[in-house]
Full PDB file with SEQRES, HELIX, SHEET, SSBOND, CRYST1, ORIGX, SCALE, CONECT and MASTER records, all heavy atoms in Angstrom:
SEQRES   1 A   40  ARG GLY TRP PHE ARG GLN ALA PRO GLY LYS GLU ARG GLU          
SEQRES   2 A   40  PHE VAL ALA ALA VAL ASN TRP GLY ASP GLY SER THR HIS          
SEQRES   3 A   40  TYR THR ASP SER ALA LYS GLY ARG PHE THR VAL SER ARG          
SEQRES   4 A   40  ASP                                                          
SHEET    1 AA1 3 GLY A   2  ARG A   5  0                                        
SHEET    2 AA1 3 GLU A  13  VAL A  18 -1                                        
SHEET    3 AA1 3 THR A  25  TYR A  27 -1                                        
CRYST1    1.000    1.000    1.000  90.00  90.00  90.00 P 1           1          
ORIGX1      1.000000  0.000000  0.000000        0.00000                         
ORIGX2      0.000000  1.000000  0.000000        0.00000                         
ORIGX3      0.000000  0.000000  1.000000        0.00000                         
SCALE1      1.000000  0.000000  0.000000        0.00000                         
SCALE2      0.000000  1.000000  0.000000        0.00000                         
SCALE3      0.000000  0.000000  1.000000        0.00000                         
ATOM      1  N   ARG A   1    -126.573 126.120 -40.237  1.00  0.00           N  
ATOM      2  CA  ARG A   1    -127.592 126.092 -41.303  1.00  0.00           C  
ATOM      3  C   ARG A   1    -128.945 125.964 -40.631  1.00  0.00           C  
ATOM      4  O   ARG A   1    -129.078 125.346 -39.591  1.00  0.00           O  
ATOM      5  CB  ARG A   1    -127.343 124.969 -42.269  1.00  0.00           C  
ATOM      6  CG  ARG A   1    -126.109 125.155 -43.099  1.00  0.00           C  
ATOM      7  CD  ARG A   1    -126.000 124.203 -44.233  1.00  0.00           C  
ATOM      8  NE  ARG A   1    -124.606 124.261 -44.770  1.00  0.00           N  
ATOM      9  CZ  ARG A   1    -123.991 123.271 -45.337  1.00  0.00           C  
ATOM     10  NH1 ARG A   1    -124.605 122.124 -45.487  1.00  0.00           N  
ATOM     11  NH2 ARG A   1    -122.762 123.432 -45.760  1.00  0.00           N  
ATOM     12  N   GLY A   2    -129.948 126.504 -41.300  1.00  0.00           N  
ATOM     13  CA  GLY A   2    -131.251 126.481 -40.661  1.00  0.00           C  
ATOM     14  C   GLY A   2    -132.373 126.589 -41.644  1.00  0.00           C  
ATOM     15  O   GLY A   2    -132.169 126.582 -42.849  1.00  0.00           O  
ATOM     16  N   TRP A   3    -133.548 126.612 -41.072  1.00  0.00           N  
ATOM     17  CA  TRP A   3    -134.806 126.673 -41.845  1.00  0.00           C  
ATOM     18  C   TRP A   3    -135.637 127.893 -41.404  1.00  0.00           C  
ATOM     19  O   TRP A   3    -135.817 128.111 -40.176  1.00  0.00           O  
ATOM     20  CB  TRP A   3    -135.630 125.388 -41.656  1.00  0.00           C  
ATOM     21  CG  TRP A   3    -134.984 124.182 -42.205  1.00  0.00           C  
ATOM     22  CD1 TRP A   3    -134.239 123.300 -41.520  1.00  0.00           C  
ATOM     23  CD2 TRP A   3    -135.065 123.708 -43.529  1.00  0.00           C  
ATOM     24  NE1 TRP A   3    -133.787 122.304 -42.380  1.00  0.00           N  
ATOM     25  CE2 TRP A   3    -134.308 122.528 -43.624  1.00  0.00           C  
ATOM     26  CE3 TRP A   3    -135.713 124.148 -44.699  1.00  0.00           C  
ATOM     27  CZ2 TRP A   3    -134.149 121.791 -44.820  1.00  0.00           C  
ATOM     28  CZ3 TRP A   3    -135.567 123.441 -45.909  1.00  0.00           C  
ATOM     29  CH2 TRP A   3    -134.786 122.260 -45.895  1.00  0.00           C  
ATOM     30  N   PHE A   4    -136.122 128.601 -42.379  1.00  0.00           N  
ATOM     31  CA  PHE A   4    -137.061 129.667 -42.155  1.00  0.00           C  
ATOM     32  C   PHE A   4    -138.284 129.391 -42.992  1.00  0.00           C  
ATOM     33  O   PHE A   4    -138.240 128.626 -43.954  1.00  0.00           O  
ATOM     34  CB  PHE A   4    -136.461 131.031 -42.569  1.00  0.00           C  
ATOM     35  CG  PHE A   4    -135.362 131.533 -41.691  1.00  0.00           C  
ATOM     36  CD1 PHE A   4    -134.122 130.941 -41.661  1.00  0.00           C  
ATOM     37  CD2 PHE A   4    -135.612 132.633 -40.865  1.00  0.00           C  
ATOM     38  CE1 PHE A   4    -133.118 131.430 -40.809  1.00  0.00           C  
ATOM     39  CE2 PHE A   4    -134.603 133.099 -40.010  1.00  0.00           C  
ATOM     40  CZ  PHE A   4    -133.348 132.503 -40.027  1.00  0.00           C  
ATOM     41  N   ARG A   5    -139.406 129.995 -42.616  1.00  0.00           N  
ATOM     42  CA  ARG A   5    -140.580 129.811 -43.474  1.00  0.00           C  
ATOM     43  C   ARG A   5    -141.308 131.182 -43.609  1.00  0.00           C  
ATOM     44  O   ARG A   5    -141.197 132.024 -42.745  1.00  0.00           O  
ATOM     45  CB  ARG A   5    -141.573 128.792 -42.866  1.00  0.00           C  
ATOM     46  CG  ARG A   5    -142.240 129.224 -41.583  1.00  0.00           C  
ATOM     47  CD  ARG A   5    -143.090 128.100 -41.057  1.00  0.00           C  
ATOM     48  NE  ARG A   5    -143.667 128.473 -39.741  1.00  0.00           N  
ATOM     49  CZ  ARG A   5    -144.084 127.600 -38.848  1.00  0.00           C  
ATOM     50  NH1 ARG A   5    -144.019 126.285 -39.122  1.00  0.00           N  
ATOM     51  NH2 ARG A   5    -144.606 128.010 -37.732  1.00  0.00           N  
ATOM     52  N   GLN A   6    -142.017 131.231 -44.744  1.00  0.00           N  
ATOM     53  CA  GLN A   6    -142.772 132.455 -45.013  1.00  0.00           C  
ATOM     54  C   GLN A   6    -144.149 132.106 -45.457  1.00  0.00           C  
ATOM     55  O   GLN A   6    -144.344 131.478 -46.510  1.00  0.00           O  
ATOM     56  CB  GLN A   6    -142.080 133.296 -46.093  1.00  0.00           C  
ATOM     57  CG  GLN A   6    -142.663 134.665 -46.301  1.00  0.00           C  
ATOM     58  CD  GLN A   6    -141.727 135.594 -47.072  1.00  0.00           C  
ATOM     59  OE1 GLN A   6    -140.789 135.130 -47.731  1.00  0.00           O  
ATOM     60  NE2 GLN A   6    -142.026 136.861 -47.009  1.00  0.00           N  
ATOM     61  N   ALA A   7    -145.099 132.496 -44.647  1.00  0.00           N  
ATOM     62  CA  ALA A   7    -146.502 132.292 -44.986  1.00  0.00           C  
ATOM     63  C   ALA A   7    -147.024 133.434 -45.838  1.00  0.00           C  
ATOM     64  O   ALA A   7    -146.441 134.547 -45.800  1.00  0.00           O  
ATOM     65  CB  ALA A   7    -147.345 132.182 -43.704  1.00  0.00           C  
ATOM     66  N   PRO A   8    -148.075 133.233 -46.617  1.00  0.00           N  
ATOM     67  CA  PRO A   8    -148.576 134.295 -47.439  1.00  0.00           C  
ATOM     68  C   PRO A   8    -148.893 135.556 -46.638  1.00  0.00           C  
ATOM     69  O   PRO A   8    -149.586 135.474 -45.630  1.00  0.00           O  
ATOM     70  CB  PRO A   8    -149.880 133.690 -48.038  1.00  0.00           C  
ATOM     71  CG  PRO A   8    -149.646 132.225 -48.036  1.00  0.00           C  
ATOM     72  CD  PRO A   8    -148.804 131.963 -46.792  1.00  0.00           C  
ATOM     73  N   GLY A   9    -148.375 136.712 -47.089  1.00  0.00           N  
ATOM     74  CA  GLY A   9    -148.618 137.952 -46.452  1.00  0.00           C  
ATOM     75  C   GLY A   9    -147.903 138.208 -45.134  1.00  0.00           C  
ATOM     76  O   GLY A   9    -148.115 139.214 -44.450  1.00  0.00           O  
ATOM     77  N   LYS A  10    -146.950 137.285 -44.829  1.00  0.00           N  
ATOM     78  CA  LYS A  10    -146.215 137.449 -43.560  1.00  0.00           C  
ATOM     79  C   LYS A  10    -144.723 137.497 -43.802  1.00  0.00           C  
ATOM     80  O   LYS A  10    -144.257 137.152 -44.880  1.00  0.00           O  
ATOM     81  CB  LYS A  10    -146.540 136.253 -42.613  1.00  0.00           C  
ATOM     82  CG  LYS A  10    -147.990 136.235 -42.157  1.00  0.00           C  
ATOM     83  CD  LYS A  10    -148.191 135.160 -41.093  1.00  0.00           C  
ATOM     84  CE  LYS A  10    -149.629 135.196 -40.555  1.00  0.00           C  
ATOM     85  NZ  LYS A  10    -149.850 134.161 -39.511  1.00  0.00           N  
ATOM     86  N   GLU A  11    -144.001 137.909 -42.779  1.00  0.00           N  
ATOM     87  CA  GLU A  11    -142.539 137.981 -42.909  1.00  0.00           C  
ATOM     88  C   GLU A  11    -141.945 136.589 -42.765  1.00  0.00           C  
ATOM     89  O   GLU A  11    -142.538 135.668 -42.165  1.00  0.00           O  
ATOM     90  CB  GLU A  11    -141.987 138.899 -41.816  1.00  0.00           C  
ATOM     91  CG  GLU A  11    -142.355 140.379 -42.021  1.00  0.00           C  
ATOM     92  CD  GLU A  11    -141.556 141.275 -41.100  1.00  0.00           C  
ATOM     93  OE1 GLU A  11    -140.871 140.763 -40.220  1.00  0.00           O  
ATOM     94  OE2 GLU A  11    -141.632 142.494 -41.271  1.00  0.00           O  
ATOM     95  N   ARG A  12    -140.727 136.436 -43.302  1.00  0.00           N  
ATOM     96  CA  ARG A  12    -140.025 135.205 -43.189  1.00  0.00           C  
ATOM     97  C   ARG A  12    -139.601 135.054 -41.734  1.00  0.00           C  
ATOM     98  O   ARG A  12    -138.993 135.938 -41.121  1.00  0.00           O  
ATOM     99  CB  ARG A  12    -138.804 135.250 -44.120  1.00  0.00           C  
ATOM    100  CG  ARG A  12    -138.183 133.870 -44.320  1.00  0.00           C  
ATOM    101  CD  ARG A  12    -137.103 133.929 -45.376  1.00  0.00           C  
ATOM    102  NE  ARG A  12    -137.630 134.391 -46.687  1.00  0.00           N  
ATOM    103  CZ  ARG A  12    -136.933 134.380 -47.783  1.00  0.00           C  
ATOM    104  NH1 ARG A  12    -135.641 133.953 -47.786  1.00  0.00           N  
ATOM    105  NH2 ARG A  12    -137.481 134.768 -48.929  1.00  0.00           N  
ATOM    106  N   GLU A  13    -139.875 133.864 -41.159  1.00  0.00           N  
ATOM    107  CA  GLU A  13    -139.594 133.655 -39.744  1.00  0.00           C  
ATOM    108  C   GLU A  13    -138.753 132.387 -39.513  1.00  0.00           C  
ATOM    109  O   GLU A  13    -138.791 131.440 -40.271  1.00  0.00           O  
ATOM    110  CB  GLU A  13    -140.915 133.492 -38.928  1.00  0.00           C  
ATOM    111  CG  GLU A  13    -141.734 132.304 -39.340  1.00  0.00           C  
ATOM    112  CD  GLU A  13    -143.023 132.124 -38.528  1.00  0.00           C  
ATOM    113  OE1 GLU A  13    -143.254 132.984 -37.626  1.00  0.00           O  
ATOM    114  OE2 GLU A  13    -143.725 131.146 -38.735  1.00  0.00           O  
ATOM    115  N   PHE A  14    -137.975 132.450 -38.434  1.00  0.00           N  
ATOM    116  CA  PHE A  14    -137.111 131.341 -38.067  1.00  0.00           C  
ATOM    117  C   PHE A  14    -137.925 130.116 -37.666  1.00  0.00           C  
ATOM    118  O   PHE A  14    -138.937 130.270 -36.993  1.00  0.00           O  
ATOM    119  CB  PHE A  14    -136.222 131.787 -36.938  1.00  0.00           C  
ATOM    120  CG  PHE A  14    -135.318 130.705 -36.374  1.00  0.00           C  
ATOM    121  CD1 PHE A  14    -134.158 130.387 -36.943  1.00  0.00           C  
ATOM    122  CD2 PHE A  14    -135.741 130.041 -35.206  1.00  0.00           C  
ATOM    123  CE1 PHE A  14    -133.336 129.387 -36.439  1.00  0.00           C  
ATOM    124  CE2 PHE A  14    -134.943 129.036 -34.677  1.00  0.00           C  
ATOM    125  CZ  PHE A  14    -133.752 128.706 -35.284  1.00  0.00           C  
ATOM    126  N   VAL A  15    -137.471 128.943 -38.052  1.00  0.00           N  
ATOM    127  CA  VAL A  15    -138.086 127.695 -37.619  1.00  0.00           C  
ATOM    128  C   VAL A  15    -137.095 126.881 -36.751  1.00  0.00           C  
ATOM    129  O   VAL A  15    -137.384 126.505 -35.624  1.00  0.00           O  
ATOM    130  CB  VAL A  15    -138.535 126.872 -38.819  1.00  0.00           C  
ATOM    131  CG1 VAL A  15    -139.116 125.524 -38.343  1.00  0.00           C  
ATOM    132  CG2 VAL A  15    -139.581 127.623 -39.631  1.00  0.00           C  
ATOM    133  N   ALA A  16    -135.924 126.571 -37.306  1.00  0.00           N  
ATOM    134  CA  ALA A  16    -134.977 125.729 -36.622  1.00  0.00           C  
ATOM    135  C   ALA A  16    -133.619 125.894 -37.253  1.00  0.00           C  
ATOM    136  O   ALA A  16    -133.549 126.269 -38.417  1.00  0.00           O  
ATOM    137  CB  ALA A  16    -135.406 124.251 -36.669  1.00  0.00           C  
ATOM    138  N   ALA A  17    -132.527 125.593 -36.493  1.00  0.00           N  
ATOM    139  CA  ALA A  17    -131.201 125.680 -37.040  1.00  0.00           C  
ATOM    140  C   ALA A  17    -130.297 124.705 -36.293  1.00  0.00           C  
ATOM    141  O   ALA A  17    -130.589 124.317 -35.150  1.00  0.00           O  
ATOM    142  CB  ALA A  17    -130.675 127.101 -36.975  1.00  0.00           C  
ATOM    143  N   VAL A  18    -129.197 124.359 -36.921  1.00  0.00           N  
ATOM    144  CA  VAL A  18    -128.240 123.463 -36.368  1.00  0.00           C  
ATOM    145  C   VAL A  18    -126.819 124.020 -36.504  1.00  0.00           C  
ATOM    146  O   VAL A  18    -126.498 124.602 -37.535  1.00  0.00           O  
ATOM    147  CB  VAL A  18    -128.319 122.065 -37.036  1.00  0.00           C  
ATOM    148  CG1 VAL A  18    -128.114 122.133 -38.530  1.00  0.00           C  
ATOM    149  CG2 VAL A  18    -127.350 121.063 -36.428  1.00  0.00           C  
ATOM    150  N   ASN A  19    -126.046 123.913 -35.410  1.00  0.00           N  
ATOM    151  CA  ASN A  19    -124.648 124.322 -35.459  1.00  0.00           C  
ATOM    152  C   ASN A  19    -123.911 123.267 -36.276  1.00  0.00           C  
ATOM    153  O   ASN A  19    -123.906 122.106 -35.929  1.00  0.00           O  
ATOM    154  CB  ASN A  19    -124.123 124.361 -34.003  1.00  0.00           C  
ATOM    155  CG  ASN A  19    -122.679 124.806 -33.950  1.00  0.00           C  
ATOM    156  OD1 ASN A  19    -121.822 124.308 -34.648  1.00  0.00           O  
ATOM    157  ND2 ASN A  19    -122.403 125.749 -33.093  1.00  0.00           N  
ATOM    158  N   TRP A  20    -123.305 123.736 -37.393  1.00  0.00           N  
ATOM    159  CA  TRP A  20    -122.726 122.761 -38.309  1.00  0.00           C  
ATOM    160  C   TRP A  20    -121.569 121.990 -37.685  1.00  0.00           C  
ATOM    161  O   TRP A  20    -121.364 120.840 -37.979  1.00  0.00           O  
ATOM    162  CB  TRP A  20    -122.233 123.479 -39.545  1.00  0.00           C  
ATOM    163  CG  TRP A  20    -121.830 122.553 -40.636  1.00  0.00           C  
ATOM    164  CD1 TRP A  20    -120.559 122.316 -41.132  1.00  0.00           C  
ATOM    165  CD2 TRP A  20    -122.704 121.677 -41.386  1.00  0.00           C  
ATOM    166  NE1 TRP A  20    -120.603 121.388 -42.117  1.00  0.00           N  
ATOM    167  CE2 TRP A  20    -121.872 120.977 -42.284  1.00  0.00           C  
ATOM    168  CE3 TRP A  20    -124.059 121.438 -41.350  1.00  0.00           C  
ATOM    169  CZ2 TRP A  20    -122.386 119.995 -43.179  1.00  0.00           C  
ATOM    170  CZ3 TRP A  20    -124.563 120.471 -42.230  1.00  0.00           C  
ATOM    171  CH2 TRP A  20    -123.752 119.790 -43.096  1.00  0.00           C  
ATOM    172  N   GLY A  21    -120.869 122.619 -36.763  1.00  0.00           N  
ATOM    173  CA  GLY A  21    -119.718 121.970 -36.137  1.00  0.00           C  
ATOM    174  C   GLY A  21    -120.086 120.948 -35.102  1.00  0.00           C  
ATOM    175  O   GLY A  21    -119.656 119.789 -35.179  1.00  0.00           O  
ATOM    176  N   ASP A  22    -120.923 121.338 -34.098  1.00  0.00           N  
ATOM    177  CA  ASP A  22    -121.160 120.421 -32.977  1.00  0.00           C  
ATOM    178  C   ASP A  22    -122.548 119.794 -32.976  1.00  0.00           C  
ATOM    179  O   ASP A  22    -122.858 118.984 -32.121  1.00  0.00           O  
ATOM    180  CB  ASP A  22    -120.870 121.122 -31.644  1.00  0.00           C  
ATOM    181  CG  ASP A  22    -121.894 122.281 -31.361  1.00  0.00           C  
ATOM    182  OD1 ASP A  22    -122.930 122.347 -32.008  1.00  0.00           O  
ATOM    183  OD2 ASP A  22    -121.598 123.065 -30.448  1.00  0.00           O  
ATOM    184  N   GLY A  23    -123.369 120.184 -33.975  1.00  0.00           N  
ATOM    185  CA  GLY A  23    -124.708 119.555 -34.111  1.00  0.00           C  
ATOM    186  C   GLY A  23    -125.766 120.074 -33.111  1.00  0.00           C  
ATOM    187  O   GLY A  23    -126.863 119.549 -33.135  1.00  0.00           O  
ATOM    188  N   SER A  24    -125.427 121.063 -32.321  1.00  0.00           N  
ATOM    189  CA  SER A  24    -126.435 121.611 -31.393  1.00  0.00           C  
ATOM    190  C   SER A  24    -127.551 122.270 -32.186  1.00  0.00           C  
ATOM    191  O   SER A  24    -127.291 122.796 -33.291  1.00  0.00           O  
ATOM    192  CB  SER A  24    -125.799 122.530 -30.390  1.00  0.00           C  
ATOM    193  OG  SER A  24    -125.162 123.607 -31.059  1.00  0.00           O  
ATOM    194  N   THR A  25    -128.732 122.281 -31.615  1.00  0.00           N  
ATOM    195  CA  THR A  25    -129.900 122.746 -32.362  1.00  0.00           C  
ATOM    196  C   THR A  25    -130.655 123.867 -31.645  1.00  0.00           C  
ATOM    197  O   THR A  25    -130.556 124.013 -30.418  1.00  0.00           O  
ATOM    198  CB  THR A  25    -130.872 121.567 -32.615  1.00  0.00           C  
ATOM    199  OG1 THR A  25    -131.188 120.991 -31.383  1.00  0.00           O  
ATOM    200  CG2 THR A  25    -130.216 120.556 -33.494  1.00  0.00           C  
ATOM    201  N   HIS A  26    -131.420 124.600 -32.398  1.00  0.00           N  
ATOM    202  CA  HIS A  26    -132.230 125.713 -31.904  1.00  0.00           C  
ATOM    203  C   HIS A  26    -133.574 125.663 -32.609  1.00  0.00           C  
ATOM    204  O   HIS A  26    -133.627 125.383 -33.817  1.00  0.00           O  
ATOM    205  CB  HIS A  26    -131.563 127.072 -32.185  1.00  0.00           C  
ATOM    206  CG  HIS A  26    -130.160 127.167 -31.577  1.00  0.00           C  
ATOM    207  ND1 HIS A  26    -129.952 127.802 -30.366  1.00  0.00           N  
ATOM    208  CD2 HIS A  26    -128.990 126.677 -31.964  1.00  0.00           C  
ATOM    209  CE1 HIS A  26    -128.667 127.744 -30.100  1.00  0.00           C  
ATOM    210  NE2 HIS A  26    -128.074 127.031 -31.049  1.00  0.00           N  
ATOM    211  N   TYR A  27    -134.654 125.954 -31.867  1.00  0.00           N  
ATOM    212  CA  TYR A  27    -136.000 125.906 -32.414  1.00  0.00           C  
ATOM    213  C   TYR A  27    -136.823 127.102 -31.994  1.00  0.00           C  
ATOM    214  O   TYR A  27    -136.666 127.599 -30.879  1.00  0.00           O  
ATOM    215  CB  TYR A  27    -136.727 124.637 -31.945  1.00  0.00           C  
ATOM    216  CG  TYR A  27    -136.110 123.328 -32.375  1.00  0.00           C  
ATOM    217  CD1 TYR A  27    -135.170 122.685 -31.606  1.00  0.00           C  
ATOM    218  CD2 TYR A  27    -136.450 122.763 -33.629  1.00  0.00           C  
ATOM    219  CE1 TYR A  27    -134.610 121.492 -32.030  1.00  0.00           C  
ATOM    220  CE2 TYR A  27    -135.928 121.560 -34.026  1.00  0.00           C  
ATOM    221  CZ  TYR A  27    -134.971 120.936 -33.223  1.00  0.00           C  
ATOM    222  OH  TYR A  27    -134.387 119.781 -33.653  1.00  0.00           O  
ATOM    223  N   THR A  28    -137.775 127.484 -32.879  1.00  0.00           N  
ATOM    224  CA  THR A  28    -138.774 128.437 -32.395  1.00  0.00           C  
ATOM    225  C   THR A  28    -139.768 127.671 -31.569  1.00  0.00           C  
ATOM    226  O   THR A  28    -139.847 126.405 -31.661  1.00  0.00           O  
ATOM    227  CB  THR A  28    -139.455 129.048 -33.645  1.00  0.00           C  
ATOM    228  OG1 THR A  28    -140.309 130.146 -33.145  1.00  0.00           O  
ATOM    229  CG2 THR A  28    -140.343 128.049 -34.368  1.00  0.00           C  
ATOM    230  N   ASP A  29    -140.485 128.341 -30.712  1.00  0.00           N  
ATOM    231  CA  ASP A  29    -141.379 127.664 -29.758  1.00  0.00           C  
ATOM    232  C   ASP A  29    -142.400 126.762 -30.457  1.00  0.00           C  
ATOM    233  O   ASP A  29    -142.710 125.666 -29.972  1.00  0.00           O  
ATOM    234  CB  ASP A  29    -142.083 128.698 -28.886  1.00  0.00           C  
ATOM    235  CG  ASP A  29    -141.171 129.320 -27.850  1.00  0.00           C  
ATOM    236  OD1 ASP A  29    -140.086 128.767 -27.615  1.00  0.00           O  
ATOM    237  OD2 ASP A  29    -141.580 130.341 -27.292  1.00  0.00           O  
ATOM    238  N   SER A  30    -142.929 127.209 -31.587  1.00  0.00           N  
ATOM    239  CA  SER A  30    -143.973 126.434 -32.237  1.00  0.00           C  
ATOM    240  C   SER A  30    -143.428 125.140 -32.869  1.00  0.00           C  
ATOM    241  O   SER A  30    -144.239 124.250 -33.151  1.00  0.00           O  
ATOM    242  CB  SER A  30    -144.636 127.285 -33.336  1.00  0.00           C  
ATOM    243  OG  SER A  30    -143.730 127.643 -34.351  1.00  0.00           O  
ATOM    244  N   ALA A  31    -142.108 125.042 -33.048  1.00  0.00           N  
ATOM    245  CA  ALA A  31    -141.546 123.848 -33.627  1.00  0.00           C  
ATOM    246  C   ALA A  31    -141.077 122.842 -32.601  1.00  0.00           C  
ATOM    247  O   ALA A  31    -140.915 121.648 -32.923  1.00  0.00           O  
ATOM    248  CB  ALA A  31    -140.384 124.233 -34.521  1.00  0.00           C  
ATOM    249  N   LYS A  32    -140.835 123.329 -31.381  1.00  0.00           N  
ATOM    250  CA  LYS A  32    -140.327 122.408 -30.348  1.00  0.00           C  
ATOM    251  C   LYS A  32    -141.321 121.255 -30.122  1.00  0.00           C  
ATOM    252  O   LYS A  32    -142.517 121.461 -29.948  1.00  0.00           O  
ATOM    253  CB  LYS A  32    -140.128 123.173 -29.027  1.00  0.00           C  
ATOM    254  CG  LYS A  32    -138.941 124.158 -29.084  1.00  0.00           C  
ATOM    255  CD  LYS A  32    -138.826 124.948 -27.784  1.00  0.00           C  
ATOM    256  CE  LYS A  32    -137.730 125.935 -27.911  1.00  0.00           C  
ATOM    257  NZ  LYS A  32    -137.672 126.819 -26.664  1.00  0.00           N  
ATOM    258  N   GLY A  33    -140.744 120.063 -30.073  1.00  0.00           N  
ATOM    259  CA  GLY A  33    -141.553 118.867 -29.793  1.00  0.00           C  
ATOM    260  C   GLY A  33    -142.197 118.297 -31.071  1.00  0.00           C  
ATOM    261  O   GLY A  33    -142.728 117.151 -31.028  1.00  0.00           O  
ATOM    262  N   ARG A  34    -142.248 119.029 -32.135  1.00  0.00           N  
ATOM    263  CA  ARG A  34    -142.840 118.496 -33.373  1.00  0.00           C  
ATOM    264  C   ARG A  34    -141.814 118.373 -34.534  1.00  0.00           C  
ATOM    265  O   ARG A  34    -141.893 117.470 -35.323  1.00  0.00           O  
ATOM    266  CB  ARG A  34    -143.971 119.470 -33.858  1.00  0.00           C  
ATOM    267  CG  ARG A  34    -145.144 119.575 -32.893  1.00  0.00           C  
ATOM    268  CD  ARG A  34    -146.287 120.318 -33.534  1.00  0.00           C  
ATOM    269  NE  ARG A  34    -145.946 121.657 -33.942  1.00  0.00           N  
ATOM    270  CZ  ARG A  34    -146.194 122.145 -35.124  1.00  0.00           C  
ATOM    271  NH1 ARG A  34    -146.755 121.421 -36.074  1.00  0.00           N  
ATOM    272  NH2 ARG A  34    -145.825 123.401 -35.437  1.00  0.00           N  
ATOM    273  N   PHE A  35    -140.889 119.332 -34.580  1.00  0.00           N  
ATOM    274  CA  PHE A  35    -139.898 119.320 -35.675  1.00  0.00           C  
ATOM    275  C   PHE A  35    -138.545 118.955 -35.130  1.00  0.00           C  
ATOM    276  O   PHE A  35    -138.217 119.261 -33.998  1.00  0.00           O  
ATOM    277  CB  PHE A  35    -139.813 120.751 -36.277  1.00  0.00           C  
ATOM    278  CG  PHE A  35    -141.026 121.224 -36.975  1.00  0.00           C  
ATOM    279  CD1 PHE A  35    -142.183 120.463 -37.046  1.00  0.00           C  
ATOM    280  CD2 PHE A  35    -141.020 122.468 -37.580  1.00  0.00           C  
ATOM    281  CE1 PHE A  35    -143.346 120.938 -37.683  1.00  0.00           C  
ATOM    282  CE2 PHE A  35    -142.163 122.960 -38.261  1.00  0.00           C  
ATOM    283  CZ  PHE A  35    -143.319 122.149 -38.275  1.00  0.00           C  
ATOM    284  N   THR A  36    -137.744 118.325 -35.978  1.00  0.00           N  
ATOM    285  CA  THR A  36    -136.360 117.977 -35.638  1.00  0.00           C  
ATOM    286  C   THR A  36    -135.453 118.374 -36.794  1.00  0.00           C  
ATOM    287  O   THR A  36    -135.663 117.910 -37.945  1.00  0.00           O  
ATOM    288  CB  THR A  36    -136.225 116.498 -35.384  1.00  0.00           C  
ATOM    289  OG1 THR A  36    -137.080 116.096 -34.309  1.00  0.00           O  
ATOM    290  CG2 THR A  36    -134.775 116.159 -34.928  1.00  0.00           C  
ATOM    291  N   VAL A  37    -134.458 119.224 -36.455  1.00  0.00           N  
ATOM    292  CA  VAL A  37    -133.491 119.577 -37.483  1.00  0.00           C  
ATOM    293  C   VAL A  37    -132.219 118.724 -37.226  1.00  0.00           C  
ATOM    294  O   VAL A  37    -131.841 118.485 -36.072  1.00  0.00           O  
ATOM    295  CB  VAL A  37    -133.156 121.103 -37.431  1.00  0.00           C  
ATOM    296  CG1 VAL A  37    -132.585 121.521 -36.076  1.00  0.00           C  
ATOM    297  CG2 VAL A  37    -132.236 121.493 -38.602  1.00  0.00           C  
ATOM    298  N   SER A  38    -131.629 118.270 -38.311  1.00  0.00           N  
ATOM    299  CA  SER A  38    -130.431 117.421 -38.160  1.00  0.00           C  
ATOM    300  C   SER A  38    -129.497 117.721 -39.338  1.00  0.00           C  
ATOM    301  O   SER A  38    -129.885 118.334 -40.323  1.00  0.00           O  
ATOM    302  CB  SER A  38    -130.832 115.959 -38.113  1.00  0.00           C  
ATOM    303  OG  SER A  38    -131.482 115.538 -39.337  1.00  0.00           O  
ATOM    304  N   ARG A  39    -128.286 117.194 -39.237  1.00  0.00           N  
ATOM    305  CA  ARG A  39    -127.319 117.412 -40.305  1.00  0.00           C  
ATOM    306  C   ARG A  39    -126.636 116.115 -40.610  1.00  0.00           C  
ATOM    307  O   ARG A  39    -126.448 115.248 -39.765  1.00  0.00           O  
ATOM    308  CB  ARG A  39    -126.252 118.481 -39.876  1.00  0.00           C  
ATOM    309  CG  ARG A  39    -125.162 117.936 -38.961  1.00  0.00           C  
ATOM    310  CD  ARG A  39    -124.372 118.969 -38.304  1.00  0.00           C  
ATOM    311  NE  ARG A  39    -123.135 118.648 -37.726  1.00  0.00           N  
ATOM    312  CZ  ARG A  39    -122.875 117.777 -36.762  1.00  0.00           C  
ATOM    313  NH1 ARG A  39    -123.835 116.952 -36.353  1.00  0.00           N  
ATOM    314  NH2 ARG A  39    -121.656 117.618 -36.233  1.00  0.00           N  
ATOM    315  N   ASP A  40    -126.259 115.963 -41.906  1.00  0.00           N  
ATOM    316  CA  ASP A  40    -125.381 114.865 -42.307  1.00  0.00           C  
ATOM    317  C   ASP A  40    -124.111 115.575 -42.783  1.00  0.00           C  
ATOM    318  O   ASP A  40    -124.073 116.122 -43.872  1.00  0.00           O  
ATOM    319  CB  ASP A  40    -126.040 114.077 -43.427  1.00  0.00           C  
ATOM    320  CG  ASP A  40    -125.230 112.878 -43.824  1.00  0.00           C  
ATOM    321  OD1 ASP A  40    -123.951 112.956 -43.816  1.00  0.00           O  
ATOM    322  OD2 ASP A  40    -125.813 111.818 -44.127  1.00  0.00           O  
TER     323      ASP A  40                                                      
MASTER        0    0    0    0    3    0    0    6  322    1    0    4          
END                                                                             
């Protein structure tokens, strides 16, 4: 499961995602260090 965002006039872009099974995470460069994706 993950998060995408869409700014006005732009395409929907990837932000972050988490592997539902093992909890490993992936981030776009602009989100690294500022955003944290997690799962319950």
